């Protein structure tokens, strides 16, 4: 059985080592750092969608 198909943003660096990757999995959306591919967070689709919308709108701020 093949593993998830990981995707990264076209805005990620071309070396592929500084990326946030996402994959659709049976239980929701998996997220990982390309530098640490064994560390995976899985969240529900609605929660992931809310995160993306917050990032797009800038409502999360910079944390600085």
PDB file of N, CA and C in Angstrom:
ATOM      1  N   UNK A   1       0.850  -1.184   0.000  1.00  0.00           N
ATOM      2  CA  UNK A   1       0.000   0.000   0.000  1.00  0.00           C
ATOM      3  C   UNK A   1       0.891   1.241   0.000  1.00  0.00           C
ATOM      4  N   UNK A   2       0.725   2.132  -0.971  1.00  0.00           N
ATOM      5  CA  UNK A   2       1.570   3.329  -1.037  1.00  0.00           C
ATOM      6  C   UNK A   2       1.233   4.318   0.077  1.00  0.00           C
ATOM      7  N   UNK A   3       2.226   5.117   0.437  1.00  0.00           N
ATOM      8  CA  UNK A   3       2.029   6.146   1.448  1.00  0.00           C
ATOM      9  C   UNK A   3       1.352   7.369   0.858  1.00  0.00           C
ATOM     10  N   UNK A   4       1.159   8.398   1.679  1.00  0.00           N
ATOM     11  CA  UNK A   4       0.511   9.613   1.188  1.00  0.00           C
ATOM     12  C   UNK A   4       1.344  10.316   0.121  1.00  0.00           C
ATOM     13  N   UNK A   5       0.672  11.038  -0.756  1.00  0.00           N
ATOM     14  CA  UNK A   5       1.359  11.844  -1.761  1.00  0.00           C
ATOM     15  C   UNK A   5       1.548  13.242  -1.172  1.00  0.00           C
ATOM     16  N   UNK A   6       2.778  13.556  -0.798  1.00  0.00           N
ATOM     17  CA  UNK A   6       3.098  14.825  -0.158  1.00  0.00           C
ATOM     18  C   UNK A   6       3.212  15.932  -1.194  1.00  0.00           C
ATOM     19  N   UNK A   7       2.637  17.085  -0.876  1.00  0.00           N
ATOM     20  CA  UNK A   7       2.659  18.251  -1.755  1.00  0.00           C
ATOM     21  C   UNK A   7       3.282  19.424  -1.015  1.00  0.00           C
ATOM     22  N   UNK A   8       3.936  20.307  -1.759  1.00  0.00           N
ATOM     23  CA  UNK A   8       4.488  21.518  -1.148  1.00  0.00           C
ATOM     24  C   UNK A   8       4.134  22.711  -2.018  1.00  0.00           C
ATOM     25  N   UNK A   9       4.184  23.868  -1.428  1.00  0.00           N
ATOM     26  CA  UNK A   9       3.873  25.101  -2.137  1.00  0.00           C
ATOM     27  C   UNK A   9       4.912  25.401  -3.202  1.00  0.00           C
ATOM     28  N   UNK A  10       4.476  26.010  -4.270  1.00  0.00           N
ATOM     29  CA  UNK A  10       5.422  26.456  -5.299  1.00  0.00           C
ATOM     30  C   UNK A  10       6.294  27.595  -4.782  1.00  0.00           C
ATOM     31  N   UNK A  11       5.936  28.176  -3.645  1.00  0.00           N
ATOM     32  CA  UNK A  11       6.734  29.236  -3.029  1.00  0.00           C
ATOM     33  C   UNK A  11       7.860  28.675  -2.168  1.00  0.00           C
ATOM     34  N   UNK A  12       7.892  27.368  -1.949  1.00  0.00           N
ATOM     35  CA  UNK A  12       8.948  26.744  -1.152  1.00  0.00           C
ATOM     36  C   UNK A  12      10.279  26.838  -1.875  1.00  0.00           C
ATOM     37  N   UNK A  13      11.372  26.736  -1.120  1.00  0.00           N
ATOM     38  CA  UNK A  13      12.682  26.843  -1.772  1.00  0.00           C
ATOM     39  C   UNK A  13      12.904  25.690  -2.737  1.00  0.00           C
ATOM     40  N   UNK A  14      13.714  25.923  -3.736  1.00  0.00           N
ATOM     41  CA  UNK A  14      13.910  24.931  -4.797  1.00  0.00           C
ATOM     42  C   UNK A  14      14.694  23.710  -4.350  1.00  0.00           C
ATOM     43  N   UNK A  15      15.424  23.810  -3.230  1.00  0.00           N
ATOM     44  CA  UNK A  15      16.183  22.669  -2.739  1.00  0.00           C
ATOM     45  C   UNK A  15      15.309  21.610  -2.095  1.00  0.00           C
ATOM     46  N   UNK A  16      14.092  21.986  -1.719  1.00  0.00           N
ATOM     47  CA  UNK A  16      13.168  21.025  -1.135  1.00  0.00           C
ATOM     48  C   UNK A  16      13.427  20.695   0.319  1.00  0.00           C
ATOM     49  N   UNK A  17      14.331  21.431   0.974  1.00  0.00           N
ATOM     50  CA  UNK A  17      14.663  21.118   2.362  1.00  0.00           C
ATOM     51  C   UNK A  17      14.150  22.148   3.349  1.00  0.00           C
ATOM     52  N   UNK A  18      13.340  23.078   2.906  1.00  0.00           N
ATOM     53  CA  UNK A  18      12.838  24.119   3.788  1.00  0.00           C
ATOM     54  C   UNK A  18      11.358  24.329   3.493  1.00  0.00           C
ATOM     55  N   UNK A  19      10.585  23.264   3.640  1.00  0.00           N
ATOM     56  CA  UNK A  19       9.197  23.292   3.186  1.00  0.00           C
ATOM     57  C   UNK A  19       8.248  22.717   4.229  1.00  0.00           C
ATOM     58  N   UNK A  20       7.037  23.234   4.216  1.00  0.00           N
ATOM     59  CA  UNK A  20       5.932  22.580   4.896  1.00  0.00           C
ATOM     60  C   UNK A  20       5.226  21.768   3.820  1.00  0.00           C
ATOM     61  N   UNK A  21       5.029  20.491   4.081  1.00  0.00           N
ATOM     62  CA  UNK A  21       4.381  19.604   3.119  1.00  0.00           C
ATOM     63  C   UNK A  21       3.038  19.147   3.674  1.00  0.00           C
ATOM     64  N   UNK A  22       2.076  18.949   2.803  1.00  0.00           N
ATOM     65  CA  UNK A  22       0.757  18.472   3.207  1.00  0.00           C
ATOM     66  C   UNK A  22       0.354  17.278   2.350  1.00  0.00           C
ATOM     67  N   UNK A  23      -0.486  16.440   2.914  1.00  0.00           N
ATOM     68  CA  UNK A  23      -1.001  15.280   2.182  1.00  0.00           C
ATOM     69  C   UNK A  23      -2.417  14.988   2.663  1.00  0.00           C
ATOM     70  N   UNK A  24      -3.251  14.580   1.747  1.00  0.00           N
ATOM     71  CA  UNK A  24      -4.590  14.143   2.106  1.00  0.00           C
ATOM     72  C   UNK A  24      -4.494  12.699   2.595  1.00  0.00           C
ATOM     73  N   UNK A  25      -5.032  12.444   3.781  1.00  0.00           N
ATOM     74  CA  UNK A  25      -5.051  11.090   4.343  1.00  0.00           C
ATOM     75  C   UNK A  25      -6.492  10.747   4.716  1.00  0.00           C
ATOM     76  N   UNK A  26      -6.723   9.513   4.984  1.00  0.00           N
ATOM     77  CA  UNK A  26      -8.086   9.040   5.262  1.00  0.00           C
ATOM     78  C   UNK A  26      -8.757   9.822   6.389  1.00  0.00           C
ATOM     79  N   UNK A  27      -7.990  10.173   7.421  1.00  0.00           N
ATOM     80  CA  UNK A  27      -8.562  10.831   8.592  1.00  0.00           C
ATOM     81  C   UNK A  27      -8.521  12.349   8.537  1.00  0.00           C
ATOM     82  N   UNK A  28      -8.007  12.933   7.457  1.00  0.00           N
ATOM     83  CA  UNK A  28      -7.956  14.389   7.353  1.00  0.00           C
ATOM     84  C   UNK A  28      -6.801  14.862   6.499  1.00  0.00           C
ATOM     85  N   UNK A  29      -6.012  15.784   7.053  1.00  0.00           N
ATOM     86  CA  UNK A  29      -4.872  16.362   6.346  1.00  0.00           C
ATOM     87  C   UNK A  29      -3.628  16.173   7.205  1.00  0.00           C
ATOM     88  N   UNK A  30      -2.587  15.621   6.607  1.00  0.00           N
ATOM     89  CA  UNK A  30      -1.313  15.431   7.303  1.00  0.00           C
ATOM     90  C   UNK A  30      -0.391  16.594   6.939  1.00  0.00           C
ATOM     91  N   UNK A  31       0.364  17.072   7.922  1.00  0.00           N
ATOM     92  CA  UNK A  31       1.289  18.188   7.736  1.00  0.00           C
ATOM     93  C   UNK A  31       2.633  17.783   8.314  1.00  0.00           C
ATOM     94  N   UNK A  32       3.727  18.125   7.603  1.00  0.00           N
ATOM     95  CA  UNK A  32       5.056  17.817   8.119  1.00  0.00           C
ATOM     96  C   UNK A  32       6.066  18.855   7.627  1.00  0.00           C
ATOM     97  N   UNK A  33       7.203  18.905   8.287  1.00  0.00           N
ATOM     98  CA  UNK A  33       8.337  19.738   7.891  1.00  0.00           C
ATOM     99  C   UNK A  33       9.257  18.863   7.054  1.00  0.00           C
ATOM    100  N   UNK A  34       9.669  19.334   5.888  1.00  0.00           N
ATOM    101  CA  UNK A  34      10.506  18.508   5.012  1.00  0.00           C
ATOM    102  C   UNK A  34      11.842  18.146   5.651  1.00  0.00           C
ATOM    103  N   UNK A  35      12.291  18.932   6.637  1.00  0.00           N
ATOM    104  CA  UNK A  35      13.549  18.617   7.325  1.00  0.00           C
ATOM    105  C   UNK A  35      13.378  17.480   8.328  1.00  0.00           C
ATOM    106  N   UNK A  36      12.142  17.228   8.751  1.00  0.00           N
ATOM    107  CA  UNK A  36      11.845  16.169   9.724  1.00  0.00           C
ATOM    108  C   UNK A  36      10.619  15.381   9.261  1.00  0.00           C
ATOM    109  N   UNK A  37      10.757  14.638   8.188  1.00  0.00           N
ATOM    110  CA  UNK A  37       9.590  13.989   7.584  1.00  0.00           C
ATOM    111  C   UNK A  37       8.922  12.920   8.446  1.00  0.00           C
ATOM    112  N   UNK A  38       9.599  12.431   9.460  1.00  0.00           N
ATOM    113  CA  UNK A  38       8.979  11.419  10.323  1.00  0.00           C
ATOM    114  C   UNK A  38       7.999  12.043  11.312  1.00  0.00           C
ATOM    115  N   UNK A  39       8.099  13.351  11.548  1.00  0.00           N
ATOM    116  CA  UNK A  39       7.207  14.043  12.484  1.00  0.00           C
ATOM    117  C   UNK A  39       6.015  14.595  11.716  1.00  0.00           C
ATOM    118  N   UNK A  40       4.869  13.954  11.889  1.00  0.00           N
ATOM    119  CA  UNK A  40       3.668  14.297  11.124  1.00  0.00           C
ATOM    120  C   UNK A  40       2.549  14.677  12.084  1.00  0.00           C
ATOM    121  N   UNK A  41       1.835  15.738  11.740  1.00  0.00           N
ATOM    122  CA  UNK A  41       0.634  16.145  12.473  1.00  0.00           C
ATOM    123  C   UNK A  41      -0.549  15.889  11.552  1.00  0.00           C
ATOM    124  N   UNK A  42      -1.591  15.249  12.077  1.00  0.00           N
ATOM    125  CA  UNK A  42      -2.804  15.019  11.295  1.00  0.00           C
ATOM    126  C   UNK A  42      -3.937  15.800  11.945  1.00  0.00           C
ATOM    127  N   UNK A  43      -4.664  16.547  11.129  1.00  0.00           N
ATOM    128  CA  UNK A  43      -5.783  17.346  11.617  1.00  0.00           C
ATOM    129  C   UNK A  43      -6.992  17.125  10.717  1.00  0.00           C
ATOM    130  N   UNK A  44      -8.138  17.469  11.211  1.00  0.00           N
ATOM    131  CA  UNK A  44      -9.346  17.348  10.403  1.00  0.00           C
ATOM    132  C   UNK A  44      -9.354  18.349   9.255  1.00  0.00           C
ATOM    133  N   UNK A  45     -10.119  18.041   8.230  1.00  0.00           N
ATOM    134  CA  UNK A  45     -10.164  18.920   7.051  1.00  0.00           C
ATOM    135  C   UNK A  45     -10.717  20.308   7.397  1.00  0.00           C
ATOM    136  N   UNK A  46     -11.733  20.371   8.233  1.00  0.00           N
ATOM    137  CA  UNK A  46     -12.310  21.673   8.595  1.00  0.00           C
ATOM    138  C   UNK A  46     -11.302  22.519   9.369  1.00  0.00           C
ATOM    139  N   UNK A  47     -10.574  21.902  10.290  1.00  0.00           N
ATOM    140  CA  UNK A  47      -9.561  22.633  11.056  1.00  0.00           C
ATOM    141  C   UNK A  47      -8.434  23.116  10.161  1.00  0.00           C
ATOM    142  N   UNK A  48      -8.015  22.289   9.222  1.00  0.00           N
ATOM    143  CA  UNK A  48      -6.958  22.689   8.298  1.00  0.00           C
ATOM    144  C   UNK A  48      -7.443  23.845   7.422  1.00  0.00           C
ATOM    145  N   UNK A  49      -8.669  23.762   6.950  1.00  0.00           N
ATOM    146  CA  UNK A  49      -9.237  24.843   6.144  1.00  0.00           C
ATOM    147  C   UNK A  49      -9.300  26.153   6.915  1.00  0.00           C
ATOM    148  N   UNK A  50      -9.661  26.073   8.197  1.00  0.00           N
ATOM    149  CA  UNK A  50      -9.706  27.276   9.033  1.00  0.00           C
ATOM    150  C   UNK A  50      -8.308  27.860   9.221  1.00  0.00           C
ATOM    151  N   UNK A  51      -7.306  27.011   9.384  1.00  0.00           N
ATOM    152  CA  UNK A  51      -5.924  27.483   9.502  1.00  0.00           C
ATOM    153  C   UNK A  51      -5.498  28.210   8.236  1.00  0.00           C
ATOM    154  N   UNK A  52      -5.750  27.615   7.082  1.00  0.00           N
ATOM    155  CA  UNK A  52      -5.369  28.235   5.810  1.00  0.00           C
ATOM    156  C   UNK A  52      -6.071  29.578   5.642  1.00  0.00           C
ATOM    157  N   UNK A  53      -7.351  29.641   5.962  1.00  0.00           N
ATOM    158  CA  UNK A  53      -8.089  30.903   5.843  1.00  0.00           C
ATOM    159  C   UNK A  53      -7.517  31.966   6.782  1.00  0.00           C
ATOM    160  N   UNK A  54      -7.141  31.578   7.990  1.00  0.00           N
ATOM    161  CA  UNK A  54      -6.530  32.524   8.933  1.00  0.00           C
ATOM    162  C   UNK A  54      -5.189  33.028   8.426  1.00  0.00           C
ATOM    163  N   UNK A  55      -4.405  32.143   7.819  1.00  0.00           N
ATOM    164  CA  UNK A  55      -3.124  32.561   7.245  1.00  0.00           C
ATOM    165  C   UNK A  55      -3.336  33.525   6.085  1.00  0.00           C
ATOM    166  N   UNK A  56      -4.299  33.226   5.240  1.00  0.00           N
ATOM    167  CA  UNK A  56      -4.577  34.098   4.087  1.00  0.00           C
ATOM    168  C   UNK A  56      -5.042  35.481   4.513  1.00  0.00           C
ATOM    169  N   UNK A  57      -5.870  35.536   5.535  1.00  0.00           N
ATOM    170  CA  UNK A  57      -6.443  36.815   5.966  1.00  0.00           C
ATOM    171  C   UNK A  57      -5.492  37.622   6.846  1.00  0.00           C
ATOM    172  N   UNK A  58      -4.437  36.967   7.339  1.00  0.00           N
ATOM    173  CA  UNK A  58      -3.494  37.655   8.217  1.00  0.00           C
ATOM    174  C   UNK A  58      -3.971  37.770   9.650  1.00  0.00           C
ATOM    175  N   UNK A  59      -5.038  37.078  10.006  1.00  0.00           N
ATOM    176  CA  UNK A  59      -5.595  37.210  11.352  1.00  0.00           C
ATOM    177  C   UNK A  59      -4.757  36.534  12.435  1.00  0.00           C
ATOM    178  N   UNK A  60      -3.781  35.716  12.055  1.00  0.00           N
ATOM    179  CA  UNK A  60      -2.920  35.081  13.054  1.00  0.00           C
ATOM    180  C   UNK A  60      -1.786  35.995  13.493  1.00  0.00           C
ATOM    181  N   UNK A  61      -1.480  37.009  12.723  1.00  0.00           N
ATOM    182  CA  UNK A  61      -0.374  37.906  13.051  1.00  0.00           C
ATOM    183  C   UNK A  61       0.963  37.234  12.812  1.00  0.00           C
ATOM    184  N   UNK A  62       2.019  37.930  13.191  1.00  0.00           N
ATOM    185  CA  UNK A  62       3.365  37.406  12.964  1.00  0.00           C
ATOM    186  C   UNK A  62       3.949  36.755  14.195  1.00  0.00           C
ATOM    187  N   UNK A  63       3.361  36.988  15.359  1.00  0.00           N
ATOM    188  CA  UNK A  63       3.906  36.414  16.589  1.00  0.00           C
ATOM    189  C   UNK A  63       5.146  37.120  17.084  1.00  0.00           C
ATOM    190  N   UNK A  64       5.416  38.281  16.538  1.00  0.00           N
ATOM    191  CA  UNK A  64       6.617  39.031  16.941  1.00  0.00           C
ATOM    192  C   UNK A  64       6.268  40.193  17.810  1.00  0.00           C
TER     193      UNK A  64
END
